[in-house]
């Protein structure tokens, strides 16, 4: 596999896991329906629902990609200390994994931080874009550790371009399912609302993913495999 592709695949998978997290998956239909002003019972105007989903995805993708570029640029500036940062980052990611598995409690990760933004239902596509930007600023117990892990990878890349690419791949993994919901709003919404019953299995997969990722980063195996 070409250099860098493994890291992009990891970031893409992290985005999918973030979408499937118990904090996000069950509320997506109601959230998209609220932004578009269309209830779950309505089956018309699919184009409107999809466009609201698209602008939401564009909003958080823009913010995440900017975060990745900033993390990569910071890593480049701290290049001399990067071996130590890489070791510390690997340990932190493993701790995040243990947190998601419920084997370790990190109080800061239970806090949820959001910017004050509360658009009315059907407020317009611009409001959906801003909602996506605000969504990216949220720090939830499920998504926060996974996002932090990819940001640490972006910093370890030590270039703004590679950092931006990693977070763009993360946004793609998170955003494509959003678009799928927007395109098939009525048939998918009931299934997503019932998906919370599988939350513990998704948490186990996410925790194991982070522990493996942290080990690869700590041992420098990730850089050797991914060509960073």
C-alpha atoms as a PDB file:
ATOM      1  CA  UNK A   1       0.000   0.000   0.000  1.00  0.00           C
ATOM      2  CA  UNK A   2       1.269   3.487  -0.850  1.00  0.00           C
ATOM      3  CA  UNK A   3       2.714   5.628   1.968  1.00  0.00           C
ATOM      4  CA  UNK A   4       0.104   7.502   3.937  1.00  0.00           C
ATOM      5  CA  UNK A   5      -2.896   5.450   2.771  1.00  0.00           C
ATOM      6  CA  UNK A   6      -3.023   3.341   5.924  1.00  0.00           C
ATOM      7  CA  UNK A   7      -3.324   6.471   8.058  1.00  0.00           C
ATOM      8  CA  UNK A   8      -6.115   7.787   5.854  1.00  0.00           C
ATOM      9  CA  UNK A   9      -7.967   4.477   6.163  1.00  0.00           C
ATOM     10  CA  UNK A  10      -7.559   4.618   9.953  1.00  0.00           C
ATOM     11  CA  UNK A  11      -8.923   8.172  10.018  1.00  0.00           C
ATOM     12  CA  UNK A  12     -11.834   7.156   7.758  1.00  0.00           C
ATOM     13  CA  UNK A  13     -12.676   4.241  10.059  1.00  0.00           C
ATOM     14  CA  UNK A  14     -12.488   6.552  13.073  1.00  0.00           C
ATOM     15  CA  UNK A  15     -15.076   8.801  11.429  1.00  0.00           C
ATOM     16  CA  UNK A  16     -17.442   5.876  10.892  1.00  0.00           C
ATOM     17  CA  UNK A  17     -17.022   4.804  14.532  1.00  0.00           C
ATOM     18  CA  UNK A  18     -17.809   8.363  15.628  1.00  0.00           C
ATOM     19  CA  UNK A  19     -21.033   8.274  13.608  1.00  0.00           C
ATOM     20  CA  UNK A  20     -21.980   4.932  15.178  1.00  0.00           C
ATOM     21  CA  UNK A  21     -21.259   6.095  18.736  1.00  0.00           C
ATOM     22  CA  UNK A  22     -24.158   5.894  21.230  1.00  0.00           C
ATOM     23  CA  UNK A  23     -23.995   9.683  21.676  1.00  0.00           C
ATOM     24  CA  UNK A  24     -24.627  10.427  18.018  1.00  0.00           C
ATOM     25  CA  UNK A  25     -26.420   7.609  16.178  1.00  0.00           C
ATOM     26  CA  UNK A  26     -29.843   7.605  17.909  1.00  0.00           C
ATOM     27  CA  UNK A  27     -30.350  11.391  17.724  1.00  0.00           C
ATOM     28  CA  UNK A  28     -29.371  11.927  14.063  1.00  0.00           C
ATOM     29  CA  UNK A  29     -32.885  11.545  12.552  1.00  0.00           C
ATOM     30  CA  UNK A  30     -34.398  14.036  14.994  1.00  0.00           C
ATOM     31  CA  UNK A  31     -31.473  16.430  14.525  1.00  0.00           C
ATOM     32  CA  UNK A  32     -31.644  16.414  10.717  1.00  0.00           C
ATOM     33  CA  UNK A  33     -35.431  16.602  10.817  1.00  0.00           C
ATOM     34  CA  UNK A  34     -35.268  19.602  13.139  1.00  0.00           C
ATOM     35  CA  UNK A  35     -32.817  21.467  10.892  1.00  0.00           C
ATOM     36  CA  UNK A  36     -34.850  20.779   7.762  1.00  0.00           C
ATOM     37  CA  UNK A  37     -38.193  21.440   9.455  1.00  0.00           C
ATOM     38  CA  UNK A  38     -39.527  18.030   8.403  1.00  0.00           C
ATOM     39  CA  UNK A  39     -40.842  15.473  10.900  1.00  0.00           C
ATOM     40  CA  UNK A  40     -40.004  11.775  10.807  1.00  0.00           C
ATOM     41  CA  UNK A  41     -43.552  11.039   9.610  1.00  0.00           C
ATOM     42  CA  UNK A  42     -43.215  13.220   6.519  1.00  0.00           C
ATOM     43  CA  UNK A  43     -41.929  11.433   3.425  1.00  0.00           C
ATOM     44  CA  UNK A  44     -41.926  14.325   0.963  1.00  0.00           C
ATOM     45  CA  UNK A  45     -39.253  16.847   0.053  1.00  0.00           C
ATOM     46  CA  UNK A  46     -36.295  14.451   0.161  1.00  0.00           C
ATOM     47  CA  UNK A  47     -34.178  17.005  -1.694  1.00  0.00           C
ATOM     48  CA  UNK A  48     -34.596  19.514   1.134  1.00  0.00           C
ATOM     49  CA  UNK A  49     -33.596  16.987   3.807  1.00  0.00           C
ATOM     50  CA  UNK A  50     -30.564  15.881   1.795  1.00  0.00           C
ATOM     51  CA  UNK A  51     -29.392  19.451   1.208  1.00  0.00           C
ATOM     52  CA  UNK A  52     -29.640  20.252   4.920  1.00  0.00           C
ATOM     53  CA  UNK A  53     -27.589  17.123   5.625  1.00  0.00           C
ATOM     54  CA  UNK A  54     -25.063  18.180   2.983  1.00  0.00           C
ATOM     55  CA  UNK A  55     -24.594  21.644   4.452  1.00  0.00           C
ATOM     56  CA  UNK A  56     -24.297  20.153   7.943  1.00  0.00           C
ATOM     57  CA  UNK A  57     -21.535  17.833   6.700  1.00  0.00           C
ATOM     58  CA  UNK A  58     -19.779  20.689   4.896  1.00  0.00           C
ATOM     59  CA  UNK A  59     -19.834  22.682   8.118  1.00  0.00           C
ATOM     60  CA  UNK A  60     -18.168  20.125  10.365  1.00  0.00           C
ATOM     61  CA  UNK A  61     -15.847  18.934   7.578  1.00  0.00           C
ATOM     62  CA  UNK A  62     -14.508  22.472   7.097  1.00  0.00           C
ATOM     63  CA  UNK A  63     -13.927  22.863  10.826  1.00  0.00           C
ATOM     64  CA  UNK A  64     -12.318  19.427  11.286  1.00  0.00           C
ATOM     65  CA  UNK A  65     -10.022  19.910   8.273  1.00  0.00           C
ATOM     66  CA  UNK A  66      -8.882  23.260   9.651  1.00  0.00           C
ATOM     67  CA  UNK A  67      -8.219  21.589  13.017  1.00  0.00           C
ATOM     68  CA  UNK A  68      -6.132  18.938  11.263  1.00  0.00           C
ATOM     69  CA  UNK A  69      -4.076  21.517   9.383  1.00  0.00           C
ATOM     70  CA  UNK A  70      -3.461  23.420  12.622  1.00  0.00           C
ATOM     71  CA  UNK A  71      -2.439  20.239  14.458  1.00  0.00           C
ATOM     72  CA  UNK A  72      -0.063  19.294  11.622  1.00  0.00           C
ATOM     73  CA  UNK A  73       1.480  22.773  11.588  1.00  0.00           C
ATOM     74  CA  UNK A  74       1.927  22.650  15.361  1.00  0.00           C
ATOM     75  CA  UNK A  75       3.583  19.241  15.025  1.00  0.00           C
ATOM     76  CA  UNK A  76       5.977  20.682  12.455  1.00  0.00           C
ATOM     77  CA  UNK A  77       6.864  23.523  14.822  1.00  0.00           C
ATOM     78  CA  UNK A  78       7.474  20.998  17.622  1.00  0.00           C
ATOM     79  CA  UNK A  79       9.384  18.577  15.393  1.00  0.00           C
ATOM     80  CA  UNK A  80      12.320  18.379  17.786  1.00  0.00           C
ATOM     81  CA  UNK A  81      10.096  17.193  20.624  1.00  0.00           C
ATOM     82  CA  UNK A  82       7.924  14.957  18.430  1.00  0.00           C
ATOM     83  CA  UNK A  83       9.419  11.616  19.594  1.00  0.00           C
ATOM     84  CA  UNK A  84       8.402  12.434  23.170  1.00  0.00           C
ATOM     85  CA  UNK A  85       5.028  13.838  22.087  1.00  0.00           C
ATOM     86  CA  UNK A  86       4.445  10.662  20.086  1.00  0.00           C
ATOM     87  CA  UNK A  87       5.056   8.468  23.131  1.00  0.00           C
ATOM     88  CA  UNK A  88       2.835  10.603  25.345  1.00  0.00           C
ATOM     89  CA  UNK A  89       0.175  10.711  22.626  1.00  0.00           C
ATOM     90  CA  UNK A  90       0.212   6.925  22.311  1.00  0.00           C
ATOM     91  CA  UNK A  91      -0.302   6.560  26.068  1.00  0.00           C
ATOM     92  CA  UNK A  92      -3.154   9.086  26.017  1.00  0.00           C
ATOM     93  CA  UNK A  93      -4.909   7.272  23.176  1.00  0.00           C
ATOM     94  CA  UNK A  94      -4.668   3.967  25.069  1.00  0.00           C
ATOM     95  CA  UNK A  95      -6.167   5.717  28.130  1.00  0.00           C
ATOM     96  CA  UNK A  96      -8.972   7.060  25.932  1.00  0.00           C
ATOM     97  CA  UNK A  97      -9.637   3.501  24.768  1.00  0.00           C
ATOM     98  CA  UNK A  98      -9.788   2.229  28.333  1.00  0.00           C
ATOM     99  CA  UNK A  99     -12.170   5.088  29.125  1.00  0.00           C
ATOM    100  CA  UNK A 100     -14.565   4.103  26.328  1.00  0.00           C
ATOM    101  CA  UNK A 101     -14.409   0.466  27.460  1.00  0.00           C
ATOM    102  CA  UNK A 102     -15.437   1.613  30.935  1.00  0.00           C
ATOM    103  CA  UNK A 103     -12.231   0.325  32.548  1.00  0.00           C
ATOM    104  CA  UNK A 104     -10.999   3.817  33.403  1.00  0.00           C
ATOM    105  CA  UNK A 105     -12.931   6.982  34.215  1.00  0.00           C
ATOM    106  CA  UNK A 106     -11.562  10.298  32.930  1.00  0.00           C
ATOM    107  CA  UNK A 107     -13.910  12.998  34.318  1.00  0.00           C
ATOM    108  CA  UNK A 108     -12.958  15.598  31.692  1.00  0.00           C
ATOM    109  CA  UNK A 109     -14.241  13.311  28.941  1.00  0.00           C
ATOM    110  CA  UNK A 110     -17.699  13.192  30.498  1.00  0.00           C
ATOM    111  CA  UNK A 111     -18.112  16.924  30.024  1.00  0.00           C
ATOM    112  CA  UNK A 112     -19.879  18.242  26.959  1.00  0.00           C
ATOM    113  CA  UNK A 113     -18.826  21.617  25.563  1.00  0.00           C
ATOM    114  CA  UNK A 114     -20.841  23.388  22.917  1.00  0.00           C
ATOM    115  CA  UNK A 115     -20.930  26.839  21.423  1.00  0.00           C
ATOM    116  CA  UNK A 116     -24.200  28.730  21.988  1.00  0.00           C
ATOM    117  CA  UNK A 117     -26.131  28.180  18.773  1.00  0.00           C
ATOM    118  CA  UNK A 118     -29.772  27.169  18.566  1.00  0.00           C
ATOM    119  CA  UNK A 119     -31.292  27.669  15.099  1.00  0.00           C
ATOM    120  CA  UNK A 120     -35.023  27.314  14.741  1.00  0.00           C
ATOM    121  CA  UNK A 121     -36.460  24.399  12.758  1.00  0.00           C
ATOM    122  CA  UNK A 122     -36.125  24.901   9.024  1.00  0.00           C
ATOM    123  CA  UNK A 123     -33.940  27.983   9.539  1.00  0.00           C
ATOM    124  CA  UNK A 124     -32.135  27.601   6.190  1.00  0.00           C
ATOM    125  CA  UNK A 125     -29.086  25.934   4.696  1.00  0.00           C
ATOM    126  CA  UNK A 126     -26.724  28.502   6.176  1.00  0.00           C
ATOM    127  CA  UNK A 127     -27.978  27.568   9.639  1.00  0.00           C
ATOM    128  CA  UNK A 128     -27.297  23.898   8.892  1.00  0.00           C
ATOM    129  CA  UNK A 129     -23.731  24.774   7.851  1.00  0.00           C
ATOM    130  CA  UNK A 130     -23.211  26.705  11.103  1.00  0.00           C
ATOM    131  CA  UNK A 131     -24.754  23.820  13.043  1.00  0.00           C
ATOM    132  CA  UNK A 132     -22.072  21.585  11.513  1.00  0.00           C
ATOM    133  CA  UNK A 133     -19.344  23.978  12.620  1.00  0.00           C
ATOM    134  CA  UNK A 134     -20.800  24.052  16.135  1.00  0.00           C
ATOM    135  CA  UNK A 135     -21.128  20.256  16.094  1.00  0.00           C
ATOM    136  CA  UNK A 136     -17.372  20.033  15.490  1.00  0.00           C
ATOM    137  CA  UNK A 137     -16.773  22.067  18.645  1.00  0.00           C
ATOM    138  CA  UNK A 138     -18.780  19.660  20.800  1.00  0.00           C
ATOM    139  CA  UNK A 139     -16.842  17.361  23.123  1.00  0.00           C
ATOM    140  CA  UNK A 140     -18.893  14.305  23.992  1.00  0.00           C
ATOM    141  CA  UNK A 141     -17.864  11.199  25.955  1.00  0.00           C
ATOM    142  CA  UNK A 142     -18.159   9.050  22.816  1.00  0.00           C
ATOM    143  CA  UNK A 143     -16.748  11.190  20.023  1.00  0.00           C
ATOM    144  CA  UNK A 144     -14.146  13.235  21.917  1.00  0.00           C
ATOM    145  CA  UNK A 145     -11.555  10.493  22.496  1.00  0.00           C
ATOM    146  CA  UNK A 146     -11.712   9.278  18.881  1.00  0.00           C
ATOM    147  CA  UNK A 147     -11.398  12.805  17.496  1.00  0.00           C
ATOM    148  CA  UNK A 148      -8.531  13.534  19.890  1.00  0.00           C
ATOM    149  CA  UNK A 149      -6.723  10.412  18.672  1.00  0.00           C
ATOM    150  CA  UNK A 150      -6.941  11.522  15.029  1.00  0.00           C
ATOM    151  CA  UNK A 151      -5.801  15.030  15.987  1.00  0.00           C
ATOM    152  CA  UNK A 152      -2.781  13.476  17.711  1.00  0.00           C
ATOM    153  CA  UNK A 153      -2.069  11.573  14.511  1.00  0.00           C
ATOM    154  CA  UNK A 154      -2.362  14.845  12.598  1.00  0.00           C
ATOM    155  CA  UNK A 155       0.147  16.484  14.937  1.00  0.00           C
ATOM    156  CA  UNK A 156       2.476  13.527  14.532  1.00  0.00           C
ATOM    157  CA  UNK A 157       2.371  14.010  10.742  1.00  0.00           C
ATOM    158  CA  UNK A 158       4.256  17.297  11.320  1.00  0.00           C
ATOM    159  CA  UNK A 159       2.836  18.958   8.185  1.00  0.00           C
ATOM    160  CA  UNK A 160      -0.299  21.065   7.797  1.00  0.00           C
ATOM    161  CA  UNK A 161      -1.178  19.302   4.532  1.00  0.00           C
ATOM    162  CA  UNK A 162      -1.043  15.769   5.968  1.00  0.00           C
ATOM    163  CA  UNK A 163      -2.900  16.894   9.071  1.00  0.00           C
ATOM    164  CA  UNK A 164      -5.643  18.395   6.916  1.00  0.00           C
ATOM    165  CA  UNK A 165      -5.852  15.206   4.836  1.00  0.00           C
ATOM    166  CA  UNK A 166      -6.233  13.029   7.937  1.00  0.00           C
ATOM    167  CA  UNK A 167      -9.077  15.136   9.301  1.00  0.00           C
ATOM    168  CA  UNK A 168     -10.675  15.337   5.848  1.00  0.00           C
ATOM    169  CA  UNK A 169     -10.674  11.507   5.797  1.00  0.00           C
ATOM    170  CA  UNK A 170     -12.162  11.486   9.303  1.00  0.00           C
ATOM    171  CA  UNK A 171     -14.857  13.926   8.127  1.00  0.00           C
ATOM    172  CA  UNK A 172     -15.594  11.684   5.137  1.00  0.00           C
ATOM    173  CA  UNK A 173     -16.121   8.659   7.394  1.00  0.00           C
ATOM    174  CA  UNK A 174     -18.401  10.694   9.637  1.00  0.00           C
ATOM    175  CA  UNK A 175     -20.142  12.602   6.849  1.00  0.00           C
ATOM    176  CA  UNK A 176     -21.068   9.905   4.326  1.00  0.00           C
ATOM    177  CA  UNK A 177     -23.483   8.181   6.742  1.00  0.00           C
ATOM    178  CA  UNK A 178     -25.058  11.584   7.472  1.00  0.00           C
ATOM    179  CA  UNK A 179     -25.650  12.013   3.747  1.00  0.00           C
ATOM    180  CA  UNK A 180     -27.091   8.497   3.515  1.00  0.00           C
ATOM    181  CA  UNK A 181     -29.591   9.402   6.236  1.00  0.00           C
ATOM    182  CA  UNK A 182     -30.435  12.609   4.406  1.00  0.00           C
ATOM    183  CA  UNK A 183     -30.998  10.722   1.148  1.00  0.00           C
ATOM    184  CA  UNK A 184     -33.132   7.978   2.734  1.00  0.00           C
ATOM    185  CA  UNK A 185     -34.571   9.889   5.683  1.00  0.00           C
ATOM    186  CA  UNK A 186     -37.892   8.082   6.144  1.00  0.00           C
ATOM    187  CA  UNK A 187     -36.753   4.430   5.823  1.00  0.00           C
ATOM    188  CA  UNK A 188     -33.519   4.811   7.802  1.00  0.00           C
ATOM    189  CA  UNK A 189     -34.786   6.943  10.693  1.00  0.00           C
ATOM    190  CA  UNK A 190     -36.686   4.207  12.588  1.00  0.00           C
ATOM    191  CA  UNK A 191     -33.707   1.858  12.316  1.00  0.00           C
ATOM    192  CA  UNK A 192     -31.305   4.496  13.643  1.00  0.00           C
ATOM    193  CA  UNK A 193     -33.628   5.306  16.521  1.00  0.00           C
ATOM    194  CA  UNK A 194     -33.537   1.655  17.576  1.00  0.00           C
ATOM    195  CA  UNK A 195     -29.779   1.309  17.121  1.00  0.00           C
ATOM    196  CA  UNK A 196     -28.993   2.371  20.691  1.00  0.00           C
ATOM    197  CA  UNK A 197     -29.469  -1.259  21.769  1.00  0.00           C
ATOM    198  CA  UNK A 198     -26.133  -2.007  20.078  1.00  0.00           C
ATOM    199  CA  UNK A 199     -24.349   0.860  21.791  1.00  0.00           C
ATOM    200  CA  UNK A 200     -22.217  -1.272  24.087  1.00  0.00           C
ATOM    201  CA  UNK A 201     -20.831  -3.288  21.182  1.00  0.00           C
ATOM    202  CA  UNK A 202     -19.958  -0.112  19.304  1.00  0.00           C
ATOM    203  CA  UNK A 203     -18.240   1.203  22.440  1.00  0.00           C
ATOM    204  CA  UNK A 204     -16.232  -2.019  22.752  1.00  0.00           C
ATOM    205  CA  UNK A 205     -15.130  -1.746  19.119  1.00  0.00           C
ATOM    206  CA  UNK A 206     -14.219   1.920  19.556  1.00  0.00           C
ATOM    207  CA  UNK A 207     -12.240   1.241  22.727  1.00  0.00           C
ATOM    208  CA  UNK A 208     -10.319  -1.626  21.137  1.00  0.00           C
ATOM    209  CA  UNK A 209      -9.658   0.546  18.058  1.00  0.00           C
ATOM    210  CA  UNK A 210      -8.120   3.291  20.209  1.00  0.00           C
ATOM    211  CA  UNK A 211      -5.991   0.914  22.284  1.00  0.00           C
ATOM    212  CA  UNK A 212      -4.512  -0.641  19.133  1.00  0.00           C
ATOM    213  CA  UNK A 213      -4.001   2.797  17.590  1.00  0.00           C
ATOM    214  CA  UNK A 214      -2.286   4.090  20.730  1.00  0.00           C
ATOM    215  CA  UNK A 215       0.055   1.087  20.797  1.00  0.00           C
ATOM    216  CA  UNK A 216       0.960   1.584  17.132  1.00  0.00           C
ATOM    217  CA  UNK A 217       1.680   5.260  17.743  1.00  0.00           C
ATOM    218  CA  UNK A 218       3.712   4.619  20.904  1.00  0.00           C
ATOM    219  CA  UNK A 219       5.894   1.994  19.224  1.00  0.00           C
ATOM    220  CA  UNK A 220       6.288   4.132  16.063  1.00  0.00           C
ATOM    221  CA  UNK A 221       4.741   1.276  14.071  1.00  0.00           C
ATOM    222  CA  UNK A 222       2.065   3.620  12.776  1.00  0.00           C
ATOM    223  CA  UNK A 223       4.618   5.885  11.118  1.00  0.00           C
ATOM    224  CA  UNK A 224       6.427   2.936   9.546  1.00  0.00           C
ATOM    225  CA  UNK A 225       3.186   1.434   8.227  1.00  0.00           C
ATOM    226  CA  UNK A 226       1.638   4.690   7.107  1.00  0.00           C
ATOM    227  CA  UNK A 227       4.621   6.465   5.725  1.00  0.00           C
ATOM    228  CA  UNK A 228       4.240   9.574   7.887  1.00  0.00           C
END
